[in-house]
Amino acid sequence: MKYAIRTSFVVFFTIIITVNSTLIPDHIDEYPKKPVWSNYLADPFAFEFNGTYYMIGTGLGLSENNATFPSLISDDLITWNYSGNILDMINRPDQPSSYWAPEIAEKDNIFYLFYSVGFGDKKHRLRVTSSTSPLGPYDDSQSIELTNVTKLSFAIDPHPFQDKKDGQWYLFYSRDFLDTNDGYRVGTGIVVDRLINNMTQLAGNETIVLRAKHDWQLYEHNRSIYDNIYDWYTLEGAATWQQESGVYICFYSGGNWQSTSYGVDYGIAYSSPMGPYTEDSTNQARITHSIEGIIIGPGHNSIILGRDQKTTYIVYHAWNEAKTIRSPYISQLNWKTMIPNKSSSGYDILHLTLLFLVYIIVIVLIFHHAL
C-alpha cells in the first residue's frame, strides 16, 4: 500500500507539472555560416502557401521600375530564388521615401500586404493593399492607411496574426511612447489591435503588448526627438506564435538595428493575443544576439513551420562583415518547458482543484482496497 501511495504522489505531481507547463523558445546557440540569400533583404517575413515557401522583406529602395519589397521562393527552406519586387508605386510629389517591414496575411484567398511608409525615419504610417496572388503584384496607389499620421506620428512593423481559437485577426505594430509609467523606458514599444472591416481597419482598441525596461534595449543615448532629448529605447518587429495550449509568444527585436546590441527576445500571454504579456529578459536578447566574429545584429524575425508541420524555424536578418548589407538567415528554433510563476486565470485554479479531488478519490480507493 505504501508503494501505491508513493506512486500516486508521483503521478499526481507529474500531472500538475504537465498540465501547468508551457513551451517557451530556447536561444539559438549555433548560427549558419552564411545567409540563405546574400543580397539585401531585411526584416524577413517567411510564409507558406500551397506547399511553396515565400519570403519578403525591406529592400534598399526603389527599383528601376518603381517597385520595392524583394521576394524569394523556396521548396525546402534551404535554396531560395529571387522572384522580383512585389509592391508597385507611382511617383508623385508627396511620395514617401521609406517603405519598411512588409508582411502578408491570407484570408479567403485574398492576400493582404501590410507595411509602413514614411520619410526617412519620420512620419511613418501603416498601410494595407491586396492581391489575388501571394507575391502580387500589389499596388501602393490602391492601399488603405490604417493609422493617421496626424494622430499617431510614428507607426511601423505591422504584423497580422490570426487567433486559432476563434479566427479573429489582429495587428501588432510598434509606436512611440514618451512616458515612464510603471517603470517603462521612453521609446518605441509594441501594441496590438483587432483588424476589422475585412482586414482594412483597426478596431480602435489599441493595447500595449511590450515596452522597454532593460538596458540592452537602448536605441540611442541623448536622442533628439519630439522637440526634446531622451535616452531612447526600442522594441520592434513583433512576430506572434500561438502554442497548441493557447499560449501566445510575442517575439520582438530590441535595441538599435544598426548596432551589435540588436537581438530577438519574447514576451508571453496566457489568455489572449491582447495580453497581458509578461517579459523576463535580462542583460541581453535571449533568442538571438550578436557574437563577435560569427553574427552581427541578428533580428527582426518571423517564425515558420517546416515540411513536417512540427519543426519550427526562426527567420531573421543579420549584417555582413562590412555592415553594408542585411541578409536573411534561418535557424531551427527549439523549445523548452517552463512552469509559469503564477496562474493566469481562474480556470487554472479550478483545474488544479479538480485534479486534487481526483487524487483524494484515488487514495480513498487504495485504502478501501487495502481494508
Protein backbone atom coordinates (compact mmCIF):
# COMPACT_ATOMS: atom_id res chain seq x y z
CA MET A 1 0.00 0.00 0.00
CA LYS A 2 2.88 2.40 0.81
CA TYR A 3 4.26 1.77 -2.65
CA ALA A 4 0.86 2.54 -4.18
CA ILE A 5 0.59 5.81 -2.24
CA ARG A 6 4.10 6.87 -3.25
CA THR A 7 3.30 6.04 -6.86
CA SER A 8 0.09 8.03 -6.71
CA PHE A 9 2.02 11.04 -5.38
CA VAL A 10 4.46 10.83 -8.30
CA VAL A 11 1.64 10.51 -10.83
CA PHE A 12 -0.28 13.40 -9.26
CA PHE A 13 2.62 15.86 -9.32
CA THR A 14 3.64 14.74 -12.81
CA ILE A 15 0.12 15.59 -13.97
CA ILE A 16 0.31 19.00 -12.28
CA ILE A 17 3.62 19.83 -13.99
CA THR A 18 2.36 18.63 -17.38
CA VAL A 19 -0.94 20.49 -17.20
CA ASN A 20 0.56 23.77 -15.98
CA SER A 21 3.74 23.84 -18.05
CA THR A 22 4.20 25.64 -21.34
CA LEU A 23 6.81 25.56 -24.06
CA ILE A 24 8.97 28.64 -24.43
CA PRO A 25 11.58 29.33 -27.12
CA ASP A 26 15.20 28.42 -26.46
CA HIS A 27 18.17 30.51 -27.54
CA ILE A 28 19.94 29.96 -30.85
CA ASP A 29 23.34 28.56 -29.91
CA GLU A 30 24.68 27.86 -33.41
CA TYR A 31 24.28 30.30 -36.28
CA PRO A 32 24.53 29.47 -40.01
CA LYS A 33 27.85 30.32 -41.63
CA LYS A 34 26.10 32.25 -44.40
CA PRO A 35 22.67 33.70 -45.21
CA VAL A 36 20.12 31.88 -47.35
CA TRP A 37 20.36 34.79 -49.81
CA SER A 38 23.38 37.07 -49.91
CA ASN A 39 21.74 40.23 -51.28
CA TYR A 40 19.81 42.86 -49.35
CA LEU A 41 16.58 41.68 -47.73
CA ALA A 42 15.99 42.96 -44.21
CA ASP A 43 13.07 42.36 -41.82
CA PRO A 44 12.39 38.98 -43.46
CA PHE A 45 8.85 37.64 -43.33
CA ALA A 46 8.52 33.99 -44.40
CA PHE A 47 5.26 32.16 -45.02
CA GLU A 48 3.99 29.02 -46.75
CA PHE A 49 1.10 28.69 -49.17
CA ASN A 50 0.09 25.56 -51.09
CA GLY A 51 3.41 23.84 -50.44
CA THR A 52 5.63 26.72 -51.51
CA TYR A 53 7.67 28.89 -49.15
CA TYR A 54 7.81 32.64 -49.73
CA MET A 55 9.94 35.35 -48.16
CA ILE A 56 9.61 39.11 -48.47
CA GLY A 57 11.39 41.98 -46.75
CA THR A 58 12.68 45.52 -46.77
CA GLY A 59 14.85 46.43 -49.74
CA LEU A 60 17.48 49.11 -50.26
CA GLY A 61 15.00 51.36 -52.05
CA LEU A 62 13.01 51.61 -55.24
CA SER A 63 13.96 49.52 -58.27
CA GLU A 64 14.25 50.99 -61.76
CA ASN A 65 10.58 50.21 -62.40
CA ASN A 66 9.43 51.92 -59.19
CA ALA A 67 8.86 48.78 -57.14
CA THR A 68 10.06 47.62 -53.74
CA PHE A 69 9.97 44.74 -51.25
CA PRO A 70 12.18 41.97 -52.69
CA SER A 71 10.77 38.44 -52.64
CA LEU A 72 12.23 34.93 -52.59
CA ILE A 73 10.72 31.48 -53.30
CA SER A 74 11.77 28.07 -51.95
CA ASP A 75 10.59 24.47 -51.96
CA ASP A 76 12.63 23.34 -48.97
CA LEU A 77 13.61 26.36 -46.80
CA ILE A 78 17.21 25.78 -47.93
CA THR A 79 17.53 27.01 -51.51
CA TRP A 80 15.91 30.38 -52.18
CA ASN A 81 15.47 32.06 -55.56
CA TYR A 82 14.81 35.73 -56.21
CA SER A 83 11.33 36.48 -57.55
CA GLY A 84 11.30 40.25 -58.00
CA ASN A 85 9.83 43.18 -56.09
CA ILE A 86 6.18 42.84 -55.17
CA LEU A 87 4.91 46.39 -54.49
CA ASP A 88 4.43 48.78 -57.41
CA MET A 89 4.37 52.52 -56.89
CA ILE A 90 3.55 55.64 -58.88
CA ASN A 91 5.86 58.60 -58.33
CA ARG A 92 4.09 61.68 -57.04
CA PRO A 93 5.21 64.85 -55.23
CA ASP A 94 4.26 63.60 -51.76
CA GLN A 95 5.71 60.11 -52.31
CA PRO A 96 7.21 58.68 -49.07
CA SER A 97 10.89 57.81 -49.29
CA SER A 98 10.95 54.81 -46.94
CA TYR A 99 9.00 51.56 -47.25
CA TRP A 100 9.62 49.15 -44.36
CA ALA A 101 8.92 45.69 -42.99
CA PRO A 102 6.22 44.10 -45.18
CA GLU A 103 4.14 41.12 -44.06
CA ILE A 104 1.40 39.16 -45.82
CA ALA A 105 -1.79 37.58 -44.47
CA GLU A 106 -4.16 35.38 -46.49
CA LYS A 107 -7.91 35.46 -45.88
CA ASP A 108 -10.49 33.88 -48.18
CA ASN A 109 -7.92 33.53 -50.98
CA ILE A 110 -7.07 37.24 -50.88
CA PHE A 111 -3.55 38.23 -49.85
CA TYR A 112 -3.15 41.37 -47.77
CA LEU A 113 0.20 43.17 -47.75
CA PHE A 114 0.86 45.22 -44.61
CA TYR A 115 3.79 47.67 -44.41
CA SER A 116 4.81 51.10 -43.18
CA VAL A 117 5.75 54.17 -45.21
CA GLY A 118 7.41 57.39 -44.15
CA PHE A 119 10.08 59.98 -44.82
CA GLY A 120 13.35 58.57 -43.57
CA ASP A 121 12.52 57.56 -40.01
CA LYS A 122 9.82 60.21 -39.61
CA LYS A 123 6.04 60.28 -40.13
CA HIS A 124 5.65 56.55 -40.63
CA ARG A 125 2.12 55.23 -41.04
CA LEU A 126 0.72 51.75 -41.69
CA ARG A 127 -0.79 50.71 -44.99
CA VAL A 128 -2.51 47.63 -46.41
CA THR A 129 -3.16 46.64 -50.02
CA SER A 130 -4.27 43.35 -51.54
CA SER A 131 -3.77 40.90 -54.39
CA THR A 132 -5.10 37.53 -55.54
CA SER A 133 -1.55 36.10 -55.66
CA PRO A 134 0.93 35.64 -52.80
CA LEU A 135 3.61 37.77 -54.48
CA GLY A 136 1.24 40.21 -56.10
CA PRO A 137 1.78 42.43 -57.78
CA TYR A 138 0.49 44.75 -55.09
CA ASP A 139 -0.36 48.38 -55.87
CA ASP A 140 0.66 51.07 -53.39
CA SER A 141 -1.71 53.57 -55.02
CA GLN A 142 -4.64 51.31 -54.05
CA SER A 143 -3.53 50.96 -50.43
CA ILE A 144 -5.57 51.95 -47.38
CA GLU A 145 -3.90 53.75 -44.49
CA LEU A 146 -4.55 52.04 -41.15
CA THR A 147 -3.10 54.81 -38.99
CA ASN A 148 -3.47 58.57 -39.27
CA VAL A 149 -0.11 60.33 -39.11
CA THR A 150 -1.71 63.48 -37.73
CA LYS A 151 -2.92 61.50 -34.70
CA LEU A 152 -0.17 58.87 -34.43
CA SER A 153 3.05 60.33 -35.80
CA PHE A 154 5.04 57.09 -35.91
CA ALA A 155 3.83 53.53 -36.53
CA ILE A 156 5.96 50.75 -38.04
CA ASP A 157 6.36 46.97 -38.35
CA PRO A 158 2.77 45.77 -38.83
CA HIS A 159 2.35 42.08 -38.01
CA PRO A 160 -1.01 40.43 -38.84
CA PHE A 161 -1.90 37.49 -36.61
CA GLN A 162 -4.90 35.15 -36.61
CA ASP A 163 -6.02 33.57 -33.34
CA LYS A 164 -6.57 29.81 -33.79
CA LYS A 165 -9.25 29.84 -31.09
CA ASP A 166 -11.84 31.94 -32.90
CA GLY A 167 -10.28 33.02 -36.22
CA GLN A 168 -10.11 36.69 -35.24
CA TRP A 169 -7.35 38.69 -36.94
CA TYR A 170 -5.15 41.13 -35.02
CA LEU A 171 -2.46 43.60 -35.99
CA PHE A 172 0.64 44.03 -33.84
CA TYR A 173 2.75 47.10 -34.57
CA SER A 174 5.27 49.45 -32.99
CA ARG A 175 4.72 53.04 -31.91
CA ASP A 176 6.43 55.64 -29.72
CA PHE A 177 5.84 56.37 -26.02
CA LEU A 178 7.16 59.39 -24.12
CA ASP A 179 6.01 58.45 -20.61
CA THR A 180 7.83 56.38 -17.99
CA ASN A 181 4.76 54.95 -16.27
CA ASP A 182 5.16 51.61 -14.48
CA GLY A 183 8.93 51.72 -14.80
CA TYR A 184 9.00 51.66 -18.60
CA ARG A 185 11.63 53.48 -20.63
CA VAL A 186 10.88 56.27 -23.13
CA GLY A 187 10.97 54.93 -26.68
CA THR A 188 9.31 52.61 -29.17
CA GLY A 189 7.07 49.82 -27.90
CA ILE A 190 4.68 47.21 -29.29
CA VAL A 191 0.88 47.40 -29.28
CA VAL A 192 -1.95 45.29 -30.72
CA ASP A 193 -5.45 45.93 -32.00
CA ARG A 194 -8.14 43.87 -33.73
CA LEU A 195 -8.43 44.00 -37.52
CA ILE A 196 -11.96 44.63 -38.77
CA ASN A 197 -13.76 45.58 -41.98
CA ASN A 198 -12.17 42.77 -43.99
CA MET A 199 -8.58 43.43 -42.83
CA THR A 200 -8.66 47.11 -43.79
CA GLN A 201 -9.34 48.87 -40.47
CA LEU A 202 -8.18 48.83 -36.88
CA ALA A 203 -10.89 48.49 -34.25
CA GLY A 204 -9.55 51.42 -32.25
CA ASN A 205 -8.90 49.48 -29.04
CA GLU A 206 -5.11 49.56 -29.01
CA THR A 207 -3.50 47.63 -26.15
CA ILE A 208 0.13 47.71 -25.02
CA VAL A 209 1.92 44.41 -25.56
CA LEU A 210 5.51 45.15 -24.53
CA ARG A 211 7.60 48.20 -23.72
CA ALA A 212 11.28 48.60 -22.97
CA LYS A 213 12.52 48.14 -19.41
CA HIS A 214 16.05 46.73 -19.82
CA ASP A 215 19.37 48.44 -20.50
CA TRP A 216 20.21 46.27 -23.52
CA GLN A 217 17.12 47.62 -25.32
CA LEU A 218 18.75 51.05 -25.67
CA TYR A 219 18.46 52.55 -29.13
CA GLU A 220 20.40 55.76 -28.56
CA HIS A 221 21.62 57.90 -25.67
CA ASN A 222 20.55 61.56 -25.81
CA ARG A 223 18.42 61.16 -28.91
CA SER A 224 16.93 64.40 -30.21
CA ILE A 225 13.30 63.63 -30.98
CA TYR A 226 9.86 65.17 -30.39
CA ASP A 227 11.48 68.54 -29.54
CA ASN A 228 13.34 67.05 -26.61
CA ILE A 229 16.36 64.91 -25.67
CA TYR A 230 15.79 61.35 -24.46
CA ASP A 231 17.65 58.17 -23.74
CA TRP A 232 15.65 56.22 -26.30
CA TYR A 233 14.82 52.51 -26.04
CA THR A 234 13.26 50.36 -28.76
CA LEU A 235 11.14 47.23 -29.10
CA GLU A 236 10.01 46.47 -32.66
CA GLY A 237 9.35 43.73 -35.21
CA ALA A 238 6.64 41.75 -33.40
CA ALA A 239 6.14 38.13 -34.51
CA THR A 240 3.49 36.24 -32.55
CA TRP A 241 3.35 32.44 -32.30
CA GLN A 242 0.45 30.53 -30.74
CA GLN A 243 1.13 27.27 -28.95
CA GLU A 244 -1.36 24.38 -29.11
CA SER A 245 -2.06 25.04 -25.44
CA GLY A 246 -3.31 28.51 -26.33
CA VAL A 247 -0.25 30.35 -25.01
CA TYR A 248 0.88 33.32 -27.12
CA ILE A 249 4.59 34.02 -27.62
CA CYS A 250 5.28 37.52 -28.93
CA PHE A 251 8.81 37.65 -30.32
CA TYR A 252 10.32 41.11 -30.70
CA SER A 253 13.62 42.75 -31.57
CA GLY A 254 15.18 45.18 -29.14
CA GLY A 255 18.00 47.72 -29.23
CA ASN A 256 19.39 49.55 -32.24
CA TRP A 257 19.13 47.75 -35.58
CA GLN A 258 22.39 49.38 -36.64
CA SER A 259 24.42 48.06 -33.69
CA THR A 260 25.54 44.82 -32.08
CA SER A 261 23.01 45.28 -29.27
CA TYR A 262 20.18 44.24 -31.59
CA GLY A 263 18.58 40.85 -30.99
CA VAL A 264 15.39 38.83 -30.57
CA ASP A 265 13.58 38.25 -27.29
CA TYR A 266 9.96 37.48 -26.38
CA GLY A 267 7.01 38.02 -24.06
CA ILE A 268 4.24 35.57 -23.09
CA ALA A 269 0.46 35.91 -22.77
CA TYR A 270 -1.67 33.09 -21.37
CA SER A 271 -5.22 34.09 -22.25
CA SER A 272 -5.49 36.36 -25.31
CA PRO A 273 -3.45 37.94 -28.14
CA MET A 274 -4.37 41.24 -26.48
CA GLY A 275 -2.43 40.21 -23.39
CA PRO A 276 -1.45 40.83 -20.72
CA TYR A 277 2.12 39.87 -21.65
CA THR A 278 5.00 39.17 -19.29
CA GLU A 279 8.65 39.51 -20.27
CA ASP A 280 11.68 38.42 -18.25
CA SER A 281 14.69 39.41 -20.33
CA THR A 282 17.95 40.15 -18.54
CA ASN A 283 21.20 41.68 -19.82
CA GLN A 284 20.86 40.72 -23.49
CA ALA A 285 18.39 39.34 -26.01
CA ARG A 286 17.65 35.71 -25.16
CA ILE A 287 16.86 34.19 -28.58
CA THR A 288 19.36 35.80 -30.96
CA HIS A 289 22.17 38.24 -30.25
CA SER A 290 25.49 39.28 -31.75
CA ILE A 291 28.52 37.07 -31.28
CA GLU A 292 31.85 38.58 -32.27
CA GLY A 293 33.24 37.02 -35.41
CA ILE A 294 30.08 34.95 -36.02
CA ILE A 295 26.92 37.07 -36.35
CA ILE A 296 26.13 40.83 -36.26
CA GLY A 297 22.75 42.23 -35.22
CA PRO A 298 20.52 39.18 -35.79
CA GLY A 299 16.95 40.38 -35.52
CA HIS A 300 13.51 41.30 -36.84
CA ASN A 301 12.28 37.76 -37.16
CA SER A 302 9.38 35.68 -38.37
CA ILE A 303 8.53 32.07 -37.46
CA ILE A 304 7.62 29.28 -39.87
CA LEU A 305 6.86 25.56 -39.72
CA GLY A 306 8.92 23.02 -41.66
CA ARG A 307 7.61 20.37 -44.02
CA ASP A 308 6.79 18.03 -41.14
CA GLN A 309 4.44 20.68 -39.68
CA LYS A 310 6.21 20.24 -36.34
CA THR A 311 9.71 21.72 -36.59
CA THR A 312 9.79 25.49 -36.15
CA TYR A 313 12.31 27.77 -37.78
CA ILE A 314 13.19 31.35 -36.98
CA VAL A 315 13.90 33.63 -39.94
CA TYR A 316 15.88 36.80 -39.23
CA HIS A 317 18.32 39.21 -40.82
CA ALA A 318 21.92 39.98 -39.90
CA TRP A 319 24.67 42.26 -41.21
CA ASN A 320 27.53 41.23 -43.43
CA GLU A 321 31.03 41.80 -42.04
CA ALA A 322 31.32 45.20 -43.71
CA LYS A 323 27.88 46.22 -42.29
CA THR A 324 26.64 47.25 -45.73
CA ILE A 325 24.01 44.55 -46.34
CA ARG A 326 21.38 42.90 -44.14
CA SER A 327 20.55 39.43 -45.46
CA PRO A 328 18.14 36.69 -44.29
CA TYR A 329 19.22 33.74 -42.15
CA ILE A 330 17.24 30.69 -40.99
CA SER A 331 17.84 28.65 -37.83
CA GLN A 332 15.89 25.84 -36.21
CA LEU A 333 14.03 27.10 -33.18
CA ASN A 334 13.95 24.71 -30.24
CA TRP A 335 11.61 24.87 -27.26
CA LYS A 336 11.93 24.11 -23.57
CA THR A 337 9.40 23.51 -20.80
CA MET A 338 8.60 26.24 -18.31
CA ILE A 339 6.33 26.25 -15.27
CA PRO A 340 4.61 29.67 -15.08
CA ASN A 341 5.38 31.64 -11.93
CA LYS A 342 1.73 32.26 -11.27
CA SER A 343 -1.63 31.10 -12.50
CA SER A 344 -3.11 33.25 -15.22
CA SER A 345 -6.80 32.50 -14.78
CA GLY A 346 -9.47 31.12 -12.52
CA TYR A 347 -9.72 28.22 -14.94
CA ASP A 348 -6.24 27.05 -13.88
CA ILE A 349 -7.25 27.11 -10.20
CA LEU A 350 -10.41 25.12 -10.97
CA HIS A 351 -8.36 22.64 -12.98
CA LEU A 352 -5.93 22.09 -10.11
CA THR A 353 -8.79 21.72 -7.64
CA LEU A 354 -10.39 19.02 -9.76
CA LEU A 355 -7.06 17.22 -10.08
CA PHE A 356 -6.62 17.31 -6.31
CA LEU A 357 -10.11 15.86 -5.79
CA VAL A 358 -9.30 13.06 -8.23
CA TYR A 359 -6.13 12.38 -6.25
CA ILE A 360 -8.08 12.17 -2.96
CA ILE A 361 -10.54 9.74 -4.55
CA VAL A 362 -7.64 7.56 -5.71
CA ILE A 363 -6.17 7.49 -2.17
CA VAL A 364 -9.58 6.60 -0.69
CA LEU A 365 -9.95 3.74 -3.16
CA ILE A 366 -6.46 2.47 -2.29
CA PHE A 367 -7.30 2.44 1.41
CA HIS A 368 -10.65 0.82 0.76
CA HIS A 369 -8.99 -1.90 -1.29
CA ALA A 370 -6.39 -2.47 1.46
CA LEU A 371 -9.12 -2.91 4.06
